[in-house]
Structures are given as C-alpha cells and as structure tokens.
Amino acid sequence: MTSTRETFKKAERLSSRKTITMLFENGNTLFTRYFRVIWAESETNSPFPARIAFSVPKKIFRLAVTRNLLKRRIREAYRKNKSHFYKFLVSENIQVALMVIFRKDSVEEYSTLEKAVREMFDKISTEIRGKRNLKRNT
C-alpha cells in the first residue's frame, strides 16, 4: 500500500495581500453550516492546485487563544482530507484560491470540523463543475 504524506506546506498557504484582495472583490462566495468560503480560479503557477487561508473573526471570539485553537483544528482537518479535493482539481485542470472564514459562535470539536471541511470540499467541487458546464455550454 502506497501512502502519501499529508502535509500543509507554506506554498499551499494563501498569503499574498494582492490575491486576497482580488479574492474578496471578484471571488465566488458559498456558505456551509460552519464556513463562509470565498473562492476563485487562480492564475498562479503553483505546484499545488489549491492555495488557502483560514480566518476566525475577532468579533465573535475575543481571545486569540480560542481563535488559534479553531484555526489549528480547521487546518488539521484540511490537511488530512485535502487529497480527494486535490485529485478533483487536477482532473479538472484548475487551480483555485480559497479563503475560509469560520462562522459559528461556539468552539467546535475536531471531528465536527472535519465533517464540515469535507462538506465544504463537496460544495466547492459541485460549484466548480457547475461553472465548468456553464462555460462549455456557452
């Protein structure tokens, strides 16, 4: 059985202010039960099909310790479950930039966040397929 390492490298992180600004101005938004996701097709030649940033609002969680805990849990869930999403993006020959904003007002368990991340991947994949089919039909 061949296993690939589940990593989350610096090159996978969305950190460019220019890209993040472009994402908020021109990106597509979708909502899940736990996240607001802003995404757009990316033009960069990154070795990874997705670049992502996570955010937990200070307005909801005042303590940095709590915000960091949630971001760590979300990042870990993303790291463990991204392989199927990456395979989908490679098969569609697309690169995306994602901004994930946590929107609940309570600290959630890791298992709950892991399910929410999988749900987020499914919704994004469905939207990408829909946009691709619209482009093909026009």
N, C-alpha and C. Protein backbone atom coordinates (compact mmCIF):
# COMPACT_ATOMS: atom_id res chain seq x y z
N MET A 1 0.85 -1.18 0.00
CA MET A 1 0.00 0.00 0.00
C MET A 1 0.89 1.24 0.00
N THR A 2 0.69 2.09 -0.96
CA THR A 2 1.47 3.32 -1.00
C THR A 2 0.69 4.43 -0.30
N SER A 3 1.38 5.10 0.58
CA SER A 3 0.71 6.21 1.27
C SER A 3 1.49 7.49 1.01
N THR A 4 0.75 8.54 0.78
CA THR A 4 1.39 9.82 0.57
C THR A 4 1.35 10.60 1.88
N ARG A 5 2.34 11.42 2.06
CA ARG A 5 2.39 12.22 3.28
C ARG A 5 1.33 13.31 3.21
N GLU A 6 0.66 13.49 4.29
CA GLU A 6 -0.36 14.53 4.39
C GLU A 6 0.29 15.75 5.01
N THR A 7 0.66 16.70 4.16
CA THR A 7 1.36 17.89 4.65
C THR A 7 0.57 19.14 4.30
N PHE A 8 0.96 20.23 4.91
CA PHE A 8 0.39 21.54 4.59
C PHE A 8 1.56 22.51 4.53
N LYS A 9 2.14 22.63 3.35
CA LYS A 9 3.36 23.41 3.19
C LYS A 9 3.06 24.90 3.03
N LYS A 10 4.10 25.68 3.21
CA LYS A 10 3.97 27.13 3.12
C LYS A 10 3.46 27.56 1.73
N ALA A 11 3.88 26.85 0.70
CA ALA A 11 3.46 27.20 -0.66
C ALA A 11 1.96 26.99 -0.88
N GLU A 12 1.32 26.20 -0.02
CA GLU A 12 -0.12 25.96 -0.13
C GLU A 12 -0.92 27.06 0.54
N ARG A 13 -0.27 27.87 1.35
CA ARG A 13 -0.97 28.91 2.09
C ARG A 13 -1.17 30.14 1.22
N LEU A 14 -2.31 30.71 1.35
CA LEU A 14 -2.63 31.93 0.62
C LEU A 14 -2.21 33.10 1.50
N SER A 15 -1.16 33.80 1.09
CA SER A 15 -0.66 34.88 1.94
C SER A 15 -0.46 36.19 1.19
N SER A 16 -0.60 36.17 -0.11
CA SER A 16 -0.42 37.38 -0.91
C SER A 16 -1.59 38.35 -0.69
N ARG A 17 -1.28 39.53 -0.21
CA ARG A 17 -2.33 40.54 0.03
C ARG A 17 -3.07 40.86 -1.27
N LYS A 18 -2.34 40.91 -2.37
CA LYS A 18 -2.94 41.21 -3.67
C LYS A 18 -3.96 40.13 -4.05
N THR A 19 -3.61 38.88 -3.86
CA THR A 19 -4.51 37.78 -4.19
C THR A 19 -5.73 37.77 -3.28
N ILE A 20 -5.51 38.02 -1.99
CA ILE A 20 -6.62 38.02 -1.04
C ILE A 20 -7.59 39.16 -1.35
N THR A 21 -7.06 40.35 -1.68
CA THR A 21 -7.91 41.48 -2.05
C THR A 21 -8.71 41.15 -3.31
N MET A 22 -8.05 40.56 -4.31
CA MET A 22 -8.71 40.16 -5.55
C MET A 22 -9.81 39.15 -5.24
N LEU A 23 -9.54 38.25 -4.32
CA LEU A 23 -10.50 37.22 -3.93
C LEU A 23 -11.76 37.84 -3.35
N PHE A 24 -11.60 38.80 -2.44
CA PHE A 24 -12.76 39.45 -1.82
C PHE A 24 -13.53 40.32 -2.81
N GLU A 25 -12.84 40.89 -3.80
CA GLU A 25 -13.51 41.75 -4.77
C GLU A 25 -14.22 40.95 -5.86
N ASN A 26 -13.57 39.88 -6.35
CA ASN A 26 -14.09 39.17 -7.53
C ASN A 26 -14.43 37.71 -7.29
N GLY A 27 -14.26 37.23 -6.08
CA GLY A 27 -14.44 35.80 -5.83
C GLY A 27 -15.89 35.38 -5.71
N ASN A 28 -16.09 34.09 -5.82
CA ASN A 28 -17.40 33.48 -5.63
C ASN A 28 -17.54 33.12 -4.16
N THR A 29 -18.73 33.30 -3.61
CA THR A 29 -18.96 33.02 -2.19
C THR A 29 -19.95 31.88 -2.06
N LEU A 30 -19.65 30.99 -1.13
CA LEU A 30 -20.61 29.96 -0.79
C LEU A 30 -20.60 29.77 0.72
N PHE A 31 -21.72 29.31 1.23
CA PHE A 31 -21.87 29.13 2.67
C PHE A 31 -22.13 27.68 2.98
N THR A 32 -21.50 27.19 4.03
CA THR A 32 -21.83 25.89 4.60
C THR A 32 -22.31 26.17 6.02
N ARG A 33 -22.62 25.13 6.73
CA ARG A 33 -23.12 25.33 8.09
C ARG A 33 -22.07 26.00 8.97
N TYR A 34 -20.79 25.70 8.74
CA TYR A 34 -19.73 26.21 9.61
C TYR A 34 -18.84 27.28 8.97
N PHE A 35 -18.84 27.36 7.64
CA PHE A 35 -17.88 28.24 6.97
C PHE A 35 -18.54 29.14 5.93
N ARG A 36 -17.90 30.27 5.73
CA ARG A 36 -18.15 31.11 4.56
C ARG A 36 -16.89 30.93 3.72
N VAL A 37 -17.04 30.51 2.50
CA VAL A 37 -15.89 30.23 1.64
C VAL A 37 -15.92 31.17 0.46
N ILE A 38 -14.83 31.87 0.26
CA ILE A 38 -14.68 32.76 -0.89
C ILE A 38 -13.61 32.11 -1.76
N TRP A 39 -13.96 31.84 -3.00
CA TRP A 39 -13.01 31.14 -3.87
C TRP A 39 -13.02 31.74 -5.27
N ALA A 40 -11.92 31.54 -5.95
CA ALA A 40 -11.80 31.99 -7.34
C ALA A 40 -10.74 31.15 -8.03
N GLU A 41 -10.89 31.04 -9.33
CA GLU A 41 -9.84 30.37 -10.09
C GLU A 41 -8.58 31.21 -10.02
N SER A 42 -7.46 30.55 -9.90
CA SER A 42 -6.20 31.24 -9.73
C SER A 42 -5.35 31.10 -10.98
N GLU A 43 -4.61 32.14 -11.28
CA GLU A 43 -3.75 32.14 -12.47
C GLU A 43 -2.30 31.77 -12.15
N THR A 44 -1.99 31.62 -10.87
CA THR A 44 -0.60 31.38 -10.49
C THR A 44 -0.15 30.00 -10.91
N ASN A 45 1.14 29.87 -11.11
CA ASN A 45 1.73 28.57 -11.45
C ASN A 45 2.28 27.93 -10.20
N SER A 46 1.42 27.60 -9.30
CA SER A 46 1.79 26.97 -8.04
C SER A 46 1.90 25.47 -8.23
N PRO A 47 2.79 24.81 -7.50
CA PRO A 47 2.86 23.35 -7.59
C PRO A 47 1.66 22.66 -6.96
N PHE A 48 0.81 23.42 -6.26
CA PHE A 48 -0.37 22.87 -5.61
C PHE A 48 -1.62 23.40 -6.29
N PRO A 49 -2.64 22.56 -6.45
CA PRO A 49 -3.86 23.01 -7.14
C PRO A 49 -4.72 23.98 -6.33
N ALA A 50 -4.49 24.05 -5.02
CA ALA A 50 -5.29 24.97 -4.19
C ALA A 50 -4.37 25.72 -3.24
N ARG A 51 -4.65 27.01 -3.08
CA ARG A 51 -3.98 27.83 -2.07
C ARG A 51 -5.08 28.34 -1.16
N ILE A 52 -4.84 28.28 0.15
CA ILE A 52 -5.93 28.51 1.09
C ILE A 52 -5.48 29.32 2.29
N ALA A 53 -6.40 30.10 2.83
CA ALA A 53 -6.18 30.85 4.07
C ALA A 53 -7.41 30.63 4.95
N PHE A 54 -7.17 30.63 6.25
CA PHE A 54 -8.24 30.41 7.22
C PHE A 54 -8.37 31.64 8.10
N SER A 55 -9.61 31.94 8.49
CA SER A 55 -9.86 33.09 9.35
C SER A 55 -10.95 32.76 10.36
N VAL A 56 -10.74 33.24 11.59
CA VAL A 56 -11.75 33.15 12.63
C VAL A 56 -11.97 34.57 13.13
N PRO A 57 -13.19 35.10 13.04
CA PRO A 57 -13.44 36.51 13.35
C PRO A 57 -13.17 36.89 14.80
N LYS A 58 -12.48 37.99 14.96
CA LYS A 58 -12.19 38.53 16.29
C LYS A 58 -13.46 39.04 16.95
N LYS A 59 -14.41 39.46 16.14
CA LYS A 59 -15.67 39.98 16.65
C LYS A 59 -16.44 38.90 17.43
N ILE A 60 -16.30 37.65 17.00
CA ILE A 60 -17.02 36.55 17.65
C ILE A 60 -16.20 35.94 18.78
N PHE A 61 -14.90 35.72 18.52
CA PHE A 61 -14.01 35.11 19.51
C PHE A 61 -12.96 36.14 19.92
N ARG A 62 -13.15 36.75 21.05
CA ARG A 62 -12.26 37.82 21.51
C ARG A 62 -10.86 37.33 21.85
N LEU A 63 -10.76 36.13 22.44
CA LEU A 63 -9.47 35.64 22.88
C LEU A 63 -8.69 35.01 21.72
N ALA A 64 -7.46 35.44 21.55
CA ALA A 64 -6.61 34.91 20.49
C ALA A 64 -6.38 33.41 20.67
N VAL A 65 -6.34 32.96 21.91
CA VAL A 65 -6.14 31.54 22.19
C VAL A 65 -7.26 30.71 21.55
N THR A 66 -8.47 31.18 21.64
CA THR A 66 -9.63 30.48 21.08
C THR A 66 -9.59 30.52 19.55
N ARG A 67 -9.27 31.68 19.00
CA ARG A 67 -9.18 31.80 17.53
C ARG A 67 -8.11 30.88 16.99
N ASN A 68 -6.96 30.85 17.65
CA ASN A 68 -5.86 30.00 17.20
C ASN A 68 -6.21 28.52 17.31
N LEU A 69 -6.91 28.14 18.37
CA LEU A 69 -7.34 26.76 18.53
C LEU A 69 -8.24 26.33 17.37
N LEU A 70 -9.20 27.16 17.05
CA LEU A 70 -10.10 26.84 15.94
C LEU A 70 -9.34 26.77 14.61
N LYS A 71 -8.44 27.72 14.37
CA LYS A 71 -7.67 27.69 13.12
C LYS A 71 -6.80 26.44 13.03
N ARG A 72 -6.20 26.04 14.15
CA ARG A 72 -5.39 24.81 14.15
C ARG A 72 -6.25 23.60 13.82
N ARG A 73 -7.42 23.52 14.42
CA ARG A 73 -8.31 22.39 14.15
C ARG A 73 -8.78 22.36 12.69
N ILE A 74 -9.12 23.52 12.15
CA ILE A 74 -9.57 23.59 10.76
C ILE A 74 -8.43 23.23 9.81
N ARG A 75 -7.24 23.77 10.09
CA ARG A 75 -6.07 23.46 9.25
C ARG A 75 -5.76 21.97 9.25
N GLU A 76 -5.84 21.37 10.41
CA GLU A 76 -5.57 19.94 10.53
C GLU A 76 -6.60 19.12 9.76
N ALA A 77 -7.87 19.49 9.87
CA ALA A 77 -8.92 18.80 9.13
C ALA A 77 -8.70 18.95 7.63
N TYR A 78 -8.29 20.14 7.21
CA TYR A 78 -7.99 20.39 5.80
C TYR A 78 -6.82 19.52 5.35
N ARG A 79 -5.77 19.50 6.13
CA ARG A 79 -4.56 18.74 5.80
C ARG A 79 -4.87 17.25 5.63
N LYS A 80 -5.70 16.72 6.51
CA LYS A 80 -6.00 15.29 6.49
C LYS A 80 -6.96 14.90 5.36
N ASN A 81 -7.76 15.83 4.87
CA ASN A 81 -8.81 15.50 3.91
C ASN A 81 -8.66 16.12 2.53
N LYS A 82 -7.57 16.80 2.26
CA LYS A 82 -7.45 17.54 1.01
C LYS A 82 -7.13 16.67 -0.20
N SER A 83 -6.68 15.44 -0.02
CA SER A 83 -6.20 14.62 -1.14
C SER A 83 -7.28 14.40 -2.21
N HIS A 84 -8.52 14.11 -1.80
CA HIS A 84 -9.60 13.90 -2.77
C HIS A 84 -9.92 15.20 -3.50
N PHE A 85 -9.89 16.30 -2.78
CA PHE A 85 -10.14 17.61 -3.39
C PHE A 85 -9.05 17.94 -4.41
N TYR A 86 -7.80 17.67 -4.06
CA TYR A 86 -6.68 17.91 -4.98
C TYR A 86 -6.82 17.05 -6.24
N LYS A 87 -7.22 15.80 -6.07
CA LYS A 87 -7.40 14.91 -7.24
C LYS A 87 -8.47 15.48 -8.16
N PHE A 88 -9.55 15.98 -7.58
CA PHE A 88 -10.62 16.59 -8.38
C PHE A 88 -10.08 17.81 -9.15
N LEU A 89 -9.34 18.69 -8.46
CA LEU A 89 -8.83 19.90 -9.11
C LEU A 89 -7.85 19.55 -10.23
N VAL A 90 -7.02 18.56 -10.01
CA VAL A 90 -6.06 18.14 -11.05
C VAL A 90 -6.82 17.56 -12.24
N SER A 91 -7.86 16.76 -11.98
CA SER A 91 -8.63 16.17 -13.08
C SER A 91 -9.35 17.25 -13.90
N GLU A 92 -9.78 18.32 -13.23
CA GLU A 92 -10.43 19.44 -13.92
C GLU A 92 -9.41 20.42 -14.52
N ASN A 93 -8.14 20.22 -14.20
CA ASN A 93 -7.05 21.09 -14.66
C ASN A 93 -7.32 22.55 -14.25
N ILE A 94 -7.51 22.74 -12.96
CA ILE A 94 -7.86 24.05 -12.43
C ILE A 94 -7.06 24.30 -11.15
N GLN A 95 -6.71 25.56 -10.93
CA GLN A 95 -6.10 25.98 -9.67
C GLN A 95 -7.02 27.00 -9.03
N VAL A 96 -7.20 26.88 -7.71
CA VAL A 96 -8.10 27.79 -7.01
C VAL A 96 -7.42 28.43 -5.81
N ALA A 97 -7.92 29.60 -5.47
CA ALA A 97 -7.53 30.29 -4.24
C ALA A 97 -8.77 30.31 -3.35
N LEU A 98 -8.59 29.97 -2.07
CA LEU A 98 -9.72 29.86 -1.15
C LEU A 98 -9.46 30.67 0.10
N MET A 99 -10.51 31.31 0.59
CA MET A 99 -10.48 31.97 1.89
C MET A 99 -11.61 31.36 2.69
N VAL A 100 -11.29 30.70 3.80
CA VAL A 100 -12.28 30.02 4.62
C VAL A 100 -12.46 30.81 5.91
N ILE A 101 -13.69 31.25 6.16
CA ILE A 101 -13.99 32.06 7.35
C ILE A 101 -14.96 31.26 8.22
N PHE A 102 -14.57 31.01 9.44
CA PHE A 102 -15.41 30.28 10.39
C PHE A 102 -16.56 31.17 10.80
N ARG A 103 -17.80 30.62 10.85
CA ARG A 103 -18.94 31.49 11.12
C ARG A 103 -19.82 31.09 12.29
N LYS A 104 -19.47 30.07 13.01
CA LYS A 104 -20.24 29.70 14.20
C LYS A 104 -19.77 30.52 15.39
N ASP A 105 -20.57 30.55 16.45
CA ASP A 105 -20.17 31.33 17.62
C ASP A 105 -19.80 30.46 18.81
N SER A 106 -19.50 29.18 18.54
CA SER A 106 -19.05 28.28 19.61
C SER A 106 -17.84 27.49 19.14
N VAL A 107 -17.01 27.08 20.08
CA VAL A 107 -15.83 26.28 19.76
C VAL A 107 -16.30 24.87 19.46
N GLU A 108 -15.94 24.37 18.29
CA GLU A 108 -16.39 23.04 17.86
C GLU A 108 -15.28 22.01 18.02
N GLU A 109 -15.69 20.76 18.22
CA GLU A 109 -14.75 19.65 18.32
C GLU A 109 -14.10 19.39 16.97
N TYR A 110 -12.95 18.74 17.01
CA TYR A 110 -12.22 18.44 15.78
C TYR A 110 -13.06 17.58 14.83
N SER A 111 -13.70 16.55 15.34
CA SER A 111 -14.48 15.64 14.49
C SER A 111 -15.59 16.39 13.75
N THR A 112 -16.21 17.34 14.41
CA THR A 112 -17.26 18.15 13.78
C THR A 112 -16.67 19.01 12.67
N LEU A 113 -15.52 19.62 12.94
CA LEU A 113 -14.87 20.46 11.94
C LEU A 113 -14.38 19.63 10.75
N GLU A 114 -13.95 18.41 11.01
CA GLU A 114 -13.50 17.54 9.92
C GLU A 114 -14.66 17.23 8.97
N LYS A 115 -15.82 16.94 9.51
CA LYS A 115 -17.01 16.71 8.68
C LYS A 115 -17.38 17.98 7.91
N ALA A 116 -17.25 19.12 8.57
CA ALA A 116 -17.58 20.39 7.92
C ALA A 116 -16.62 20.68 6.77
N VAL A 117 -15.35 20.33 6.93
CA VAL A 117 -14.37 20.55 5.86
C VAL A 117 -14.70 19.65 4.67
N ARG A 118 -15.07 18.41 4.93
CA ARG A 118 -15.46 17.50 3.83
C ARG A 118 -16.70 18.04 3.10
N GLU A 119 -17.66 18.55 3.86
CA GLU A 119 -18.86 19.15 3.28
C GLU A 119 -18.49 20.36 2.42
N MET A 120 -17.54 21.16 2.90
CA MET A 120 -17.07 22.33 2.16
C MET A 120 -16.45 21.89 0.83
N PHE A 121 -15.61 20.84 0.85
CA PHE A 121 -14.99 20.34 -0.38
C PHE A 121 -16.05 19.89 -1.38
N ASP A 122 -17.07 19.20 -0.90
CA ASP A 122 -18.14 18.73 -1.78
C ASP A 122 -18.87 19.90 -2.43
N LYS A 123 -19.17 20.92 -1.64
CA LYS A 123 -19.89 22.09 -2.18
C LYS A 123 -19.04 22.84 -3.20
N ILE A 124 -17.76 23.02 -2.91
CA ILE A 124 -16.88 23.72 -3.85
C ILE A 124 -16.76 22.92 -5.14
N SER A 125 -16.58 21.62 -5.02
CA SER A 125 -16.47 20.76 -6.21
C SER A 125 -17.72 20.85 -7.07
N THR A 126 -18.88 20.84 -6.44
CA THR A 126 -20.15 20.94 -7.16
C THR A 126 -20.25 22.28 -7.89
N GLU A 127 -19.84 23.36 -7.20
CA GLU A 127 -19.89 24.68 -7.84
C GLU A 127 -18.93 24.79 -9.01
N ILE A 128 -17.74 24.23 -8.86
CA ILE A 128 -16.76 24.27 -9.95
C ILE A 128 -17.29 23.50 -11.15
N ARG A 129 -17.87 22.33 -10.91
CA ARG A 129 -18.45 21.54 -12.01
C ARG A 129 -19.55 22.35 -12.70
N GLY A 130 -20.40 22.99 -11.90
CA GLY A 130 -21.48 23.79 -12.47
C GLY A 130 -20.96 24.93 -13.33
N LYS A 131 -19.94 25.63 -12.86
CA LYS A 131 -19.36 26.75 -13.63
C LYS A 131 -18.68 26.23 -14.88
N ARG A 132 -18.01 25.09 -14.79
CA ARG A 132 -17.35 24.49 -15.95
C ARG A 132 -18.39 24.10 -17.01
N ASN A 133 -19.49 23.50 -16.58
CA ASN A 133 -20.54 23.10 -17.51
C ASN A 133 -21.18 24.32 -18.16
N LEU A 134 -21.36 25.41 -17.42
CA LEU A 134 -21.90 26.63 -18.00
C LEU A 134 -20.98 27.18 -19.07
N LYS A 135 -19.66 27.16 -18.82
CA LYS A 135 -18.69 27.67 -19.79
C LYS A 135 -18.70 26.81 -21.05
N ARG A 136 -18.82 25.50 -20.88
CA ARG A 136 -18.82 24.59 -22.05
C ARG A 136 -20.06 24.78 -22.89
N ASN A 137 -21.19 25.07 -22.24
CA ASN A 137 -22.44 25.22 -22.98
C ASN A 137 -22.57 26.57 -23.67
N THR A 138 -21.77 27.55 -23.31
CA THR A 138 -21.85 28.86 -23.96
C THR A 138 -20.80 29.06 -24.98
